[in-house]
Amino acid sequence: MNILMISHYAGAPQYGMEFRSYYMAREWVRMGHRVTVVGAAFSHLRKAQPQVGRETLEGIEYLWLPTTHYEDNGAKRVVSMFQFVAQVYRHRRELVAFRPDVVIASSVYTFDIYPCHYIARRTGAKLVYEVHDLWPLSVMVIGGYSPRHPFIWLLQRGENYAYRHCDKVVSMLDKAFPHMQRHGLTEDRFCCIPNGFLKEEWENADSHTLPDEHARLLERLHEEGKCIVGFAGGHTQSTAMDVLIEAARELKERSDLAFVLVGGGPQKADLMALAEGYGLANVHFLPPVDKNCIPRLLQAFDICYAGGIHSSLHRYGTSFNKIIDYMLAAKPILKSVDEPGSEVERAGCGIQVEAENVGQVREAVERLAAMSAAERAAMGEKGRRYAVANLEYHTLSQKFIDSVS
């Protein structure tokens, strides 16, 4: 089978995020399929940028198209979206010549559905619309835009067009169908395939060591008999890390607890100042670690935290990579996100509480800390078994192929 994926922000290990397109494509190649991924030569998500043109990585054929550079979510990023779609049209003849059996529109925003539909019609290929986030709804909720804003109006036309014309929607959000149905999708064309993990990254976890700063602190806390509540990820407004700091403040008299926040981000300086202002000796900040060190880092935590702000978007489902990492580490999870029926609840691998509720976060920390190590291990093991059974990329990539066959 020939698979063509159009993904503006596609990444690869040597370039950085976004990794889903790479993981899926690599598995498809291993199954014997031929895969071409079309991405922009610049993305704000990457740590390095590819050269414009064609490149083959681990059997995946990449076509990197030129777009403008930008630094934030302003006008230049919007310009780059239209440039990318125009470049896909410009290369339509060679993409049609690839003779795809499946064409996947996977650029987060909705505009790439038009050239993908054109290519699918010309080749008789199945058309798949892959939904990472619900655009334009996410943009409206987060940015406060009106449905009558010209950019939102264009995005909405693209979303409606996708649901009317695609053969299948592959959504990372498991509760998104009711929203999609209101915009023209039928239930038989909906399939949820969340983010996942690579088995070999976790099998090789013991070959990677933590930086000295991290290893020394975590070793000391264990020697002092602390129960470590850990977080690994971006210190951003969306992760609501101030809620964890406030909970730590309410628990500062508990000498048996320590809170370790690993990562970077725009809110980190403010969070450090907040903890310092409260005089919290139980809160520790560490720099981010390489992705391959995450398994070793999580082994040192006793409880893993994931938070979010109040958002109506979360009722459609979430697909947090850190939750998958926490599950694979077999650690109990404290999830403070407004998501009914989340994977943490389904797997029974932790406690879920309301977003931005300091009291509920504090109480959940106390409940988990009161468990024996064996009880926490049993809870965490439920998450590991769930992830292994449902979230390995080999399994997810086969499910993707089965959904469009």
Protein backbone atom coordinates (compact mmCIF):
# COMPACT_ATOMS: atom_id res chain seq x y z
CA MET A 1 0.00 0.00 0.00
CA ASN A 2 1.19 3.53 -0.81
CA ILE A 3 0.47 5.98 2.01
CA LEU A 4 0.72 9.76 1.55
CA MET A 5 0.62 11.84 4.73
CA ILE A 6 0.39 15.64 4.49
CA SER A 7 1.57 16.97 7.86
CA HIS A 8 2.80 20.56 8.04
CA TYR A 9 4.54 20.08 11.43
CA ALA A 10 5.93 16.58 10.82
CA GLY A 11 9.11 15.83 12.73
CA ALA A 12 11.74 13.13 13.17
CA PRO A 13 14.22 12.21 15.93
CA GLN A 14 17.04 14.34 14.49
CA TYR A 15 14.74 17.35 14.06
CA GLY A 16 12.44 17.13 17.05
CA MET A 17 8.68 17.25 17.47
CA GLU A 18 6.12 16.43 16.23
CA PHE A 19 6.80 12.68 16.42
CA ARG A 20 3.46 10.97 15.77
CA SER A 21 3.77 11.10 11.98
CA TYR A 22 7.29 9.63 12.20
CA TYR A 23 6.30 6.83 14.58
CA MET A 24 3.30 5.85 12.48
CA ALA A 25 5.20 6.04 9.20
CA ARG A 26 8.11 4.00 10.51
CA GLU A 27 5.76 1.22 11.60
CA TRP A 28 3.99 1.27 8.23
CA VAL A 29 7.32 0.95 6.44
CA ARG A 30 8.21 -2.02 8.66
CA MET A 31 4.90 -3.63 7.64
CA GLY A 32 5.95 -3.36 4.00
CA HIS A 33 4.04 -0.23 2.98
CA ARG A 34 5.59 2.65 1.07
CA VAL A 35 5.19 6.00 2.85
CA THR A 36 5.72 9.59 1.78
CA VAL A 37 5.38 12.33 4.40
CA VAL A 38 5.04 15.92 3.18
CA GLY A 39 5.99 18.57 5.75
CA ALA A 40 7.13 22.17 5.96
CA ALA A 41 10.86 22.89 6.05
CA PHE A 42 10.22 25.10 9.08
CA SER A 43 8.21 24.35 12.21
CA HIS A 44 8.23 26.13 15.57
CA LEU A 45 8.07 22.71 17.28
CA ARG A 46 11.44 21.46 16.05
CA LYS A 47 14.89 21.79 17.58
CA ALA A 48 16.48 21.67 14.08
CA GLN A 49 15.08 22.22 10.59
CA PRO A 50 15.48 20.00 7.50
CA GLN A 51 16.60 21.22 4.12
CA VAL A 52 14.01 21.96 1.45
CA GLY A 53 13.62 18.99 -0.86
CA ARG A 54 13.46 15.21 -0.59
CA GLU A 55 15.03 13.08 2.13
CA THR A 56 14.75 9.43 3.16
CA LEU A 57 14.84 8.58 6.87
CA GLU A 58 14.53 4.94 7.98
CA GLY A 59 12.70 4.06 4.80
CA ILE A 60 10.27 6.99 5.06
CA GLU A 61 10.32 9.32 2.05
CA TYR A 62 10.05 12.96 3.16
CA LEU A 63 9.27 15.96 1.00
CA TRP A 64 10.10 19.21 2.82
CA LEU A 65 8.37 22.26 1.34
CA PRO A 66 9.55 25.87 1.78
CA THR A 67 7.54 28.13 4.12
CA THR A 68 8.28 31.32 6.01
CA HIS A 69 9.96 31.35 9.42
CA TYR A 70 8.00 32.64 12.40
CA GLU A 71 8.57 32.98 16.14
CA ASP A 72 5.10 32.97 17.69
CA ASN A 73 1.42 32.35 16.97
CA GLY A 74 1.04 35.61 15.07
CA ALA A 75 0.41 36.55 11.48
CA LYS A 76 3.55 34.88 10.10
CA ARG A 77 2.42 31.49 11.36
CA VAL A 78 -0.90 31.95 9.59
CA VAL A 79 0.98 32.97 6.43
CA SER A 80 3.04 29.78 6.68
CA MET A 81 -0.16 27.71 6.72
CA PHE A 82 -1.37 29.18 3.44
CA GLN A 83 2.13 28.88 1.97
CA PHE A 84 2.28 25.20 2.86
CA VAL A 85 -1.10 24.43 1.30
CA ALA A 86 -0.09 26.35 -1.83
CA GLN A 87 3.16 24.37 -2.01
CA VAL A 88 1.24 21.08 -1.74
CA TYR A 89 -0.88 22.22 -4.71
CA ARG A 90 2.28 23.20 -6.55
CA HIS A 91 3.66 19.66 -6.10
CA ARG A 92 0.34 17.95 -6.82
CA ARG A 93 1.53 16.26 -10.02
CA GLU A 94 4.42 14.42 -8.37
CA LEU A 95 2.19 13.54 -5.39
CA VAL A 96 -0.44 12.13 -7.75
CA ALA A 97 2.37 10.25 -9.54
CA PHE A 98 3.15 8.53 -6.21
CA ARG A 99 -0.22 6.76 -6.75
CA PRO A 100 -1.27 6.71 -3.10
CA ASP A 101 -3.85 4.25 -1.84
CA VAL A 102 -4.45 6.41 1.24
CA VAL A 103 -4.10 10.19 1.57
CA ILE A 104 -3.95 11.57 5.13
CA ALA A 105 -4.58 15.24 5.94
CA SER A 106 -2.80 15.72 9.28
CA SER A 107 -1.70 19.35 9.64
CA VAL A 108 -3.70 20.32 12.80
CA TYR A 109 -5.40 23.21 10.96
CA THR A 110 -8.07 22.38 8.39
CA PHE A 111 -6.84 23.91 5.14
CA ASP A 112 -4.82 20.90 3.93
CA ILE A 113 -8.03 18.92 3.40
CA TYR A 114 -8.49 20.66 0.03
CA PRO A 115 -5.28 19.53 -1.72
CA CYS A 116 -5.57 16.12 -0.04
CA HIS A 117 -9.08 15.70 -1.42
CA TYR A 118 -7.85 16.74 -4.87
CA ILE A 119 -5.06 14.13 -4.80
CA ALA A 120 -7.39 11.43 -3.47
CA ARG A 121 -9.94 12.10 -6.22
CA ARG A 122 -7.28 11.98 -8.95
CA THR A 123 -5.86 8.68 -7.69
CA GLY A 124 -8.94 6.93 -6.29
CA ALA A 125 -7.29 6.86 -2.85
CA LYS A 126 -9.06 6.75 0.51
CA LEU A 127 -9.13 10.19 2.15
CA VAL A 128 -8.38 10.31 5.88
CA TYR A 129 -8.70 13.42 8.03
CA GLU A 130 -6.55 13.08 11.17
CA VAL A 131 -7.67 15.29 14.07
CA HIS A 132 -5.08 16.35 16.65
CA ASP A 133 -7.14 19.20 18.12
CA LEU A 134 -10.61 20.46 17.31
CA TRP A 135 -9.82 23.43 15.08
CA PRO A 136 -11.35 25.98 14.91
CA LEU A 137 -13.04 25.28 18.27
CA SER A 138 -9.70 25.12 20.11
CA VAL A 139 -8.60 28.44 18.62
CA MET A 140 -11.90 30.05 19.58
CA VAL A 141 -11.83 28.76 23.18
CA ILE A 142 -8.16 29.46 23.85
CA GLY A 143 -7.90 32.71 21.89
CA GLY A 144 -11.38 34.07 22.56
CA TYR A 145 -12.16 34.53 18.86
CA SER A 146 -15.64 35.02 17.47
CA PRO A 147 -17.08 32.50 14.98
CA ARG A 148 -17.42 35.47 12.63
CA HIS A 149 -13.67 36.20 12.62
CA PRO A 150 -12.46 35.70 9.00
CA PHE A 151 -9.74 33.22 9.98
CA ILE A 152 -12.14 31.20 12.15
CA TRP A 153 -14.73 31.25 9.36
CA LEU A 154 -12.18 29.81 6.93
CA LEU A 155 -11.11 27.15 9.40
CA GLN A 156 -14.73 26.19 10.01
CA ARG A 157 -15.39 25.82 6.29
CA GLY A 158 -12.38 23.50 6.10
CA GLU A 159 -13.56 21.38 9.04
CA ASN A 160 -17.06 21.04 7.60
CA TYR A 161 -15.60 20.16 4.19
CA ALA A 162 -13.40 17.48 5.77
CA TYR A 163 -16.25 15.77 7.59
CA ARG A 164 -18.42 15.77 4.47
CA HIS A 165 -15.81 14.45 2.05
CA CYS A 166 -13.42 12.18 4.00
CA ASP A 167 -13.69 8.41 4.01
CA LYS A 168 -12.50 8.21 7.60
CA VAL A 169 -11.72 10.53 10.50
CA VAL A 170 -8.92 9.34 12.77
CA SER A 171 -9.16 11.30 16.01
CA MET A 172 -6.75 11.39 18.94
CA LEU A 173 -9.67 12.56 21.09
CA ASP A 174 -11.93 9.68 22.07
CA LYS A 175 -15.00 11.79 22.93
CA ALA A 176 -14.94 14.11 19.91
CA PHE A 177 -17.56 12.40 17.75
CA PRO A 178 -20.59 14.40 19.00
CA HIS A 179 -18.85 17.63 17.96
CA MET A 180 -17.91 16.15 14.58
CA GLN A 181 -21.42 14.83 14.03
CA ARG A 182 -22.79 18.36 14.41
CA HIS A 183 -20.51 19.35 11.53
CA GLY A 184 -21.41 16.55 9.15
CA LEU A 185 -19.57 13.36 10.16
CA THR A 186 -21.35 10.01 10.36
CA GLU A 187 -20.48 7.54 13.12
CA ASP A 188 -19.29 4.79 10.76
CA ARG A 189 -16.47 7.07 9.58
CA PHE A 190 -15.12 7.86 13.08
CA CYS A 191 -12.17 6.06 14.65
CA CYS A 192 -10.12 7.03 17.73
CA ILE A 193 -6.39 6.31 17.60
CA PRO A 194 -4.58 8.11 20.45
CA ASN A 195 -0.91 8.90 20.81
CA GLY A 196 1.30 6.00 21.81
CA PHE A 197 4.83 4.85 22.60
CA LEU A 198 7.72 2.95 21.06
CA LYS A 199 8.47 -0.30 22.83
CA GLU A 200 12.22 -0.10 22.26
CA GLU A 201 12.50 3.30 23.94
CA TRP A 202 11.34 1.73 27.19
CA GLU A 203 13.22 -1.54 26.77
CA ASN A 204 16.49 0.45 26.60
CA ALA A 205 15.66 2.67 29.60
CA ASP A 206 18.43 1.27 31.80
CA SER A 207 21.11 2.28 29.28
CA HIS A 208 20.53 5.99 29.94
CA THR A 209 21.64 7.82 33.08
CA LEU A 210 20.23 10.95 34.63
CA PRO A 211 22.25 14.19 34.77
CA ASP A 212 24.22 14.51 38.03
CA GLU A 213 22.03 17.33 39.33
CA HIS A 214 18.91 15.20 39.01
CA ALA A 215 20.49 12.01 40.32
CA ARG A 216 21.93 13.72 43.42
CA LEU A 217 18.66 15.39 44.43
CA LEU A 218 16.50 12.32 43.89
CA GLU A 219 18.96 10.07 45.72
CA ARG A 220 19.03 12.46 48.69
CA LEU A 221 15.24 12.66 48.87
CA HIS A 222 14.99 8.88 48.86
CA GLU A 223 17.61 8.58 51.57
CA GLU A 224 15.52 11.00 53.66
CA GLY A 225 12.51 8.75 53.23
CA LYS A 226 10.48 11.22 51.18
CA CYS A 227 7.46 10.27 49.11
CA ILE A 228 8.19 12.11 45.85
CA VAL A 229 5.38 13.74 43.89
CA GLY A 230 6.92 14.34 40.47
CA PHE A 231 6.09 16.19 37.29
CA ALA A 232 7.97 15.99 33.98
CA GLY A 233 7.00 18.33 31.17
CA GLY A 234 6.41 21.91 30.12
CA HIS A 235 5.92 24.58 32.76
CA THR A 236 3.19 26.40 30.89
CA GLN A 237 -0.10 28.05 31.70
CA SER A 238 -1.99 25.09 30.23
CA THR A 239 -0.41 22.62 32.67
CA ALA A 240 -1.56 24.68 35.70
CA MET A 241 1.56 23.97 37.73
CA ASP A 242 0.67 26.76 40.15
CA VAL A 243 -2.06 24.44 41.49
CA LEU A 244 0.58 21.89 42.49
CA ILE A 245 2.63 24.63 44.14
CA GLU A 246 -0.43 25.75 46.13
CA ALA A 247 -1.09 22.15 47.19
CA ALA A 248 2.55 21.84 48.28
CA ARG A 249 2.07 24.99 50.35
CA GLU A 250 -0.86 23.41 52.17
CA LEU A 251 1.30 20.33 52.79
CA LYS A 252 4.51 22.08 53.77
CA GLU A 253 4.34 20.73 57.34
CA ARG A 254 4.46 17.17 55.99
CA SER A 255 8.12 16.23 56.36
CA ASP A 256 7.56 12.99 54.45
CA LEU A 257 6.59 14.69 51.15
CA ALA A 258 8.69 16.28 48.41
CA PHE A 259 7.54 17.82 45.12
CA VAL A 260 9.97 17.62 42.18
CA LEU A 261 9.17 19.57 39.00
CA VAL A 262 11.34 18.69 36.02
CA GLY A 263 11.21 20.68 32.79
CA GLY A 264 11.23 24.18 31.36
CA GLY A 265 8.81 26.64 29.87
CA PRO A 266 7.52 30.21 29.99
CA GLN A 267 5.95 29.85 33.47
CA LYS A 268 8.95 28.29 35.20
CA ALA A 269 10.46 31.52 36.55
CA ASP A 270 7.08 32.60 37.95
CA LEU A 271 6.56 29.19 39.57
CA MET A 272 10.00 29.29 41.16
CA ALA A 273 9.28 32.78 42.48
CA LEU A 274 5.92 31.59 43.85
CA ALA A 275 7.51 28.68 45.69
CA GLU A 276 10.30 30.90 47.02
CA GLY A 277 7.80 33.51 48.16
CA TYR A 278 5.97 30.85 50.16
CA GLY A 279 9.25 29.58 51.58
CA LEU A 280 8.60 26.06 50.36
CA ALA A 281 11.51 23.79 51.19
CA ASN A 282 9.48 20.82 49.94
CA VAL A 283 9.41 21.99 46.29
CA HIS A 284 12.39 21.37 44.00
CA PHE A 285 12.89 22.50 40.40
CA LEU A 286 15.14 20.69 37.93
CA PRO A 287 16.02 21.38 34.28
CA PRO A 288 14.47 19.30 31.50
CA VAL A 289 16.08 15.99 30.56
CA ASP A 290 16.48 14.32 27.18
CA LYS A 291 13.53 12.25 26.05
CA ASN A 292 15.52 9.03 26.42
CA CYS A 293 16.09 9.80 30.12
CA ILE A 294 12.38 10.09 30.94
CA PRO A 295 11.95 6.39 31.88
CA ARG A 296 14.85 6.55 34.34
CA LEU A 297 13.55 9.83 35.79
CA LEU A 298 10.04 8.51 36.37
CA GLN A 299 11.41 5.47 38.16
CA ALA A 300 12.50 7.84 40.93
CA PHE A 301 8.99 9.27 41.47
CA ASP A 302 6.42 7.73 43.81
CA ILE A 303 3.44 9.70 42.44
CA CYS A 304 3.21 11.34 39.00
CA TYR A 305 1.23 14.55 38.50
CA ALA A 306 -0.50 15.89 35.38
CA GLY A 307 -2.62 19.03 35.51
CA GLY A 308 -4.59 21.34 33.28
CA ILE A 309 -6.65 24.49 33.38
CA HIS A 310 -10.44 24.53 33.28
CA SER A 311 -11.38 24.07 29.63
CA SER A 312 -14.51 23.00 27.84
CA LEU A 313 -12.21 21.38 25.27
CA HIS A 314 -11.22 18.61 27.67
CA ARG A 315 -14.71 17.12 27.62
CA TYR A 316 -13.91 15.89 24.10
CA GLY A 317 -10.94 13.89 25.41
CA THR A 318 -7.21 14.44 25.82
CA SER A 319 -4.11 12.63 24.60
CA PHE A 320 -1.24 13.68 26.89
CA ASN A 321 2.07 12.01 26.08
CA LYS A 322 3.16 12.41 29.70
CA ILE A 323 0.24 10.26 30.87
CA ILE A 324 1.49 7.45 28.62
CA ASP A 325 5.00 7.84 30.08
CA TYR A 326 3.59 7.76 33.62
CA MET A 327 1.65 4.60 32.82
CA LEU A 328 4.67 2.85 31.35
CA ALA A 329 6.68 3.76 34.44
CA ALA A 330 4.01 1.91 36.47
CA LYS A 331 3.50 4.87 38.76
CA PRO A 332 0.17 6.00 40.29
CA ILE A 333 -1.09 9.11 38.53
CA LEU A 334 -2.73 12.20 39.99
CA LYS A 335 -4.58 13.83 37.11
CA SER A 336 -6.17 17.24 37.65
CA VAL A 337 -8.04 17.70 34.38
CA ASP A 338 -11.75 18.13 33.54
CA GLU A 339 -12.04 15.01 31.40
CA PRO A 340 -14.85 12.56 32.15
CA GLY A 341 -13.94 8.90 31.78
CA SER A 342 -10.24 9.50 31.19
CA GLU A 343 -7.72 6.74 30.61
CA VAL A 344 -6.59 7.08 34.24
CA GLU A 345 -10.11 6.29 35.42
CA ARG A 346 -10.59 3.51 32.85
CA ALA A 347 -7.33 1.81 33.79
CA GLY A 348 -7.75 2.42 37.54
CA CYS A 349 -4.15 3.60 37.71
CA GLY A 350 -4.55 6.74 39.79
CA ILE A 351 -6.85 9.46 41.06
CA GLN A 352 -8.52 12.07 38.88
CA VAL A 353 -9.75 15.35 40.36
CA GLU A 354 -11.21 18.60 39.13
CA ALA A 355 -8.87 20.96 37.27
CA GLU A 356 -7.44 23.88 39.26
CA ASN A 357 -8.88 22.56 42.53
CA VAL A 358 -6.08 22.92 45.07
CA GLY A 359 -8.03 21.21 47.86
CA GLN A 360 -8.77 18.14 45.75
CA VAL A 361 -5.15 17.94 44.58
CA ARG A 362 -3.93 18.15 48.19
CA GLU A 363 -6.35 15.45 49.31
CA ALA A 364 -5.35 13.17 46.43
CA VAL A 365 -1.66 13.58 47.32
CA GLU A 366 -2.46 12.65 50.90
CA ARG A 367 -4.46 9.59 49.84
CA LEU A 368 -1.73 8.30 47.54
CA ALA A 369 1.03 9.04 50.04
CA ALA A 370 -0.89 7.14 52.74
CA MET A 371 -0.78 3.96 50.64
CA SER A 372 1.98 1.46 51.13
CA ALA A 373 4.65 1.18 48.46
CA ALA A 374 3.11 -2.13 47.43
CA GLU A 375 -0.34 -0.57 47.04
CA ARG A 376 1.03 2.25 44.90
CA ALA A 377 2.97 -0.27 42.82
CA ALA A 378 -0.20 -2.32 42.22
CA MET A 379 -2.07 0.81 41.13
CA GLY A 380 0.75 1.83 38.81
CA GLU A 381 0.95 -1.65 37.33
CA LYS A 382 -2.64 -1.30 36.13
CA GLY A 383 -1.57 1.68 34.04
CA ARG A 384 1.45 -0.14 32.63
CA ARG A 385 -0.70 -3.09 31.54
CA TYR A 386 -3.23 -0.74 29.95
CA ALA A 387 -0.53 1.11 27.98
CA VAL A 388 1.18 -2.08 26.79
CA ALA A 389 -2.13 -3.56 25.65
CA ASN A 390 -3.51 -0.47 23.92
CA LEU A 391 -0.93 2.21 23.20
CA GLU A 392 2.13 0.69 21.50
CA TYR A 393 2.68 2.36 18.12
CA HIS A 394 2.88 -0.99 16.35
CA THR A 395 -0.65 -1.75 17.57
CA LEU A 396 -1.93 1.76 16.78
CA SER A 397 -0.43 1.82 13.28
CA GLN A 398 -2.07 -1.51 12.44
CA LYS A 399 -5.38 -0.20 13.80
CA PHE A 400 -4.98 2.82 11.49
CA ILE A 401 -4.46 0.59 8.45
CA ASP A 402 -7.38 -1.64 9.41
CA SER A 403 -9.66 1.40 9.77
CA VAL A 404 -9.09 2.48 6.16
CA SER A 405 -8.89 -0.92 4.49
